[in-house]
Protein backbone atom coordinates (compact mmCIF):
# COMPACT_ATOMS: atom_id res chain seq x y z
CA MET A 1 52.78 42.88 251.87
CA ASP A 2 49.54 43.09 249.90
CA ILE A 3 51.48 43.59 246.71
CA ILE A 4 53.40 40.35 247.26
CA LYS A 5 50.20 38.42 248.00
CA GLN A 6 48.58 39.74 244.83
CA ASN A 7 51.62 38.92 242.71
CA ILE A 8 52.87 35.76 244.41
CA SER A 9 53.10 33.90 241.11
CA TRP A 10 55.41 36.61 239.74
CA VAL A 11 57.54 36.51 242.89
CA ILE A 12 57.82 32.74 242.56
CA ALA A 13 58.70 33.09 238.86
CA VAL A 14 61.53 35.51 239.66
CA PHE A 15 62.91 33.31 242.45
CA VAL A 16 62.76 30.23 240.22
CA ALA A 17 64.62 32.17 237.53
CA LEU A 18 67.21 33.31 240.07
CA GLY A 19 67.73 29.75 241.31
CA ILE A 20 68.07 28.35 237.81
CA GLY A 21 70.46 31.15 236.90
CA ILE A 22 72.70 30.46 239.89
CA VAL A 23 72.79 26.71 239.27
CA VAL A 24 73.47 27.05 235.55
CA SER A 25 76.25 29.59 236.10
CA PHE A 26 78.31 26.92 237.92
CA THR A 27 78.11 24.39 235.09
CA SER A 28 80.42 23.69 232.16
CA VAL A 29 80.11 25.41 228.82
CA PHE A 30 78.46 22.31 227.30
CA PHE A 31 75.64 22.34 229.81
CA PHE A 32 75.34 26.11 229.42
CA ILE A 33 74.86 25.77 225.64
CA SER A 34 72.24 23.07 226.21
CA PHE A 35 70.54 25.31 228.75
CA LEU A 36 70.44 28.19 226.25
CA PHE A 37 68.86 25.88 223.67
CA ILE A 38 66.23 24.71 226.16
CA ALA A 39 65.63 28.27 227.37
CA GLY A 40 65.20 29.46 223.80
CA SER A 41 62.75 26.66 223.11
CA MET A 42 60.76 27.45 226.27
CA THR A 43 60.67 31.13 225.37
CA LEU A 44 59.41 30.30 221.91
CA LEU A 45 56.73 27.99 223.33
CA GLY A 46 55.78 30.66 225.87
CA LEU A 47 55.46 33.27 223.16
CA VAL A 48 53.25 30.92 221.14
CA ALA A 49 51.11 30.39 224.25
CA ILE A 50 50.85 34.16 224.73
CA ILE A 51 49.76 34.63 221.13
CA ILE A 52 47.17 31.87 221.53
CA ARG A 53 45.98 33.49 224.77
CA ILE A 54 45.63 36.89 223.11
CA ARG A 55 43.58 35.40 220.28
CA SER A 56 41.35 33.38 222.57
CA SER A 57 39.49 34.02 225.76
CA LEU A 58 41.90 32.06 228.01
CA ARG A 59 42.57 33.81 231.31
CA SER A 60 45.77 32.04 232.31
CA HIS A 61 48.88 34.13 232.88
CA TYR A 62 51.20 31.14 233.11
CA ALA A 63 52.55 31.69 229.61
CA TYR A 64 53.83 35.08 230.71
CA HIS A 65 55.43 33.47 233.75
CA VAL A 66 57.21 30.89 231.60
CA VAL A 67 58.61 33.50 229.23
CA ILE A 68 59.67 35.92 231.96
CA SER A 69 61.19 33.14 234.12
CA THR A 70 63.11 31.72 231.19
CA VAL A 71 64.48 35.06 230.06
CA LEU A 72 65.39 36.05 233.62
CA SER A 73 67.10 32.72 234.28
CA VAL A 74 69.32 33.27 231.21
CA VAL A 75 70.12 36.81 232.38
CA PHE A 76 70.91 35.59 235.91
CA ALA A 77 73.03 32.68 234.63
CA ILE A 78 75.14 34.96 232.42
CA SER A 79 75.48 37.53 235.21
CA PHE A 80 76.61 34.98 237.79
CA PHE A 81 78.94 33.36 235.24
CA TYR A 82 80.78 36.67 234.77
CA LEU A 83 80.70 37.43 238.49
CA GLN A 84 82.44 34.11 239.19
CA HIS A 85 85.17 34.91 236.68
CA PHE A 86 85.62 38.38 238.13
CA ILE A 87 86.11 36.85 241.59
CA LYS A 88 88.48 34.17 240.27
CA GLU A 89 90.65 36.69 238.46
CA LYS A 90 90.69 39.02 241.47
CA GLU A 91 91.90 36.14 243.68
CA ALA A 92 94.47 35.12 241.06
CA ASN A 93 95.78 38.70 240.88
CA LYS A 94 96.27 38.66 244.67
CA ILE A 95 98.34 35.52 244.25
CA ILE A 96 100.37 37.16 241.48
CA GLU A 97 101.14 40.04 243.85
CA ASN A 98 102.17 37.57 246.56
CA LEU A 99 104.36 35.68 244.11
CA SER A 100 106.09 38.94 243.18
CA THR A 101 106.67 39.78 246.85
CA TYR A 102 108.01 36.27 247.46
CA LYS A 103 110.46 36.58 244.55
CA ASN A 104 111.66 39.98 245.76
CA GLN A 105 112.35 38.52 249.21
CA GLN A 106 113.68 35.07 248.22
CA GLY A 107 115.22 35.72 244.79
CA ASN A 108 113.04 33.15 243.01
CA TYR A 109 109.48 31.85 242.87
CA PRO A 110 108.24 29.13 245.26
CA GLU A 111 107.87 25.47 244.34
CA SER A 112 104.18 25.56 245.23
CA LEU A 113 101.51 28.04 246.25
CA GLN A 114 101.49 26.57 249.77
CA ASP A 115 104.79 28.39 250.37
CA LEU A 116 103.04 31.76 250.09
CA SER A 117 101.63 33.69 253.02
CA TYR A 118 98.42 34.08 251.02
CA ASN A 119 96.64 30.96 249.84
CA PRO A 120 93.59 31.07 247.56
CA LYS A 121 90.30 30.03 249.08
CA LEU A 122 87.90 30.68 246.22
CA VAL A 123 89.99 29.65 243.24
CA ASN A 124 91.44 26.28 242.35
CA LEU A 125 94.62 27.28 240.52
CA ASP A 126 97.24 25.24 238.71
CA TYR A 127 100.70 26.64 239.36
CA GLU A 128 103.85 25.68 237.48
CA VAL A 129 107.29 27.17 237.98
CA ASP A 130 110.12 26.57 235.51
CA SER A 131 113.32 24.74 236.50
CA THR A 132 115.17 28.01 237.17
CA LYS A 133 112.31 29.21 239.40
CA LEU A 134 112.46 32.57 237.62
CA ASN A 135 109.18 32.25 235.66
CA TYR A 136 105.82 30.72 236.41
CA GLU A 137 102.37 30.18 234.98
CA ILE A 138 99.10 30.01 236.85
CA ARG A 139 95.80 28.98 235.35
CA TYR A 140 92.25 28.10 236.23
CA SER A 141 89.29 26.61 234.43
CA TYR A 142 87.45 29.41 232.69
CA ASP A 143 84.29 27.66 231.54
CA GLY A 144 84.85 23.93 231.66
CA TRP A 145 86.30 24.04 228.17
CA SER A 146 88.93 26.79 228.24
CA TRP A 147 91.68 27.79 230.63
CA LYS A 148 92.61 31.29 231.65
CA SER A 149 96.33 31.48 232.29
CA TYR A 150 98.84 34.08 233.39
CA ASN A 151 102.49 33.86 232.37
CA SER A 152 105.00 35.80 234.49
CA LYS A 153 107.32 36.21 231.50
CA THR A 154 104.73 38.07 229.39
CA GLY A 155 102.78 39.51 232.33
CA GLU A 156 99.48 38.93 230.55
CA TRP A 157 96.36 36.78 230.86
CA GLU A 158 95.44 34.47 228.00
CA ILE A 159 92.43 32.22 227.37
CA THR A 160 93.27 28.90 225.72
CA ASP A 161 91.47 25.65 224.92
């Protein structure tokens, strides 16, 4: 506990970075690019402050906190961004399995995902079945700009704008 008391400002910096990372990971690609620009600017300003601190007799460690928090928030944001997409694709693959089971039992694909025994809870998917009900496409928003879609005819995932 003594270590935390002595380094409380570093603990706060890490938790702030974690919070920012989580929030930013849920945003669109446009906000994410803006965030990276701001984070890069803050890192640059923090590095300048560190250089000034080294050359002078200032005793403040806040410049280090700014740089570390900014870098960590970018790392956390990117990590959570990819974690979200891993979870979305895993859920979508479960739905693909359920669609295959449904077709094997019924002879065609359902009109909607509500007809399946498994319904997605974490992923908001668009589902379209063709008029013959023999092929379908599911997709979800990948980053606010692009869509990740699966076509039953090709059996592959594709990212499109």
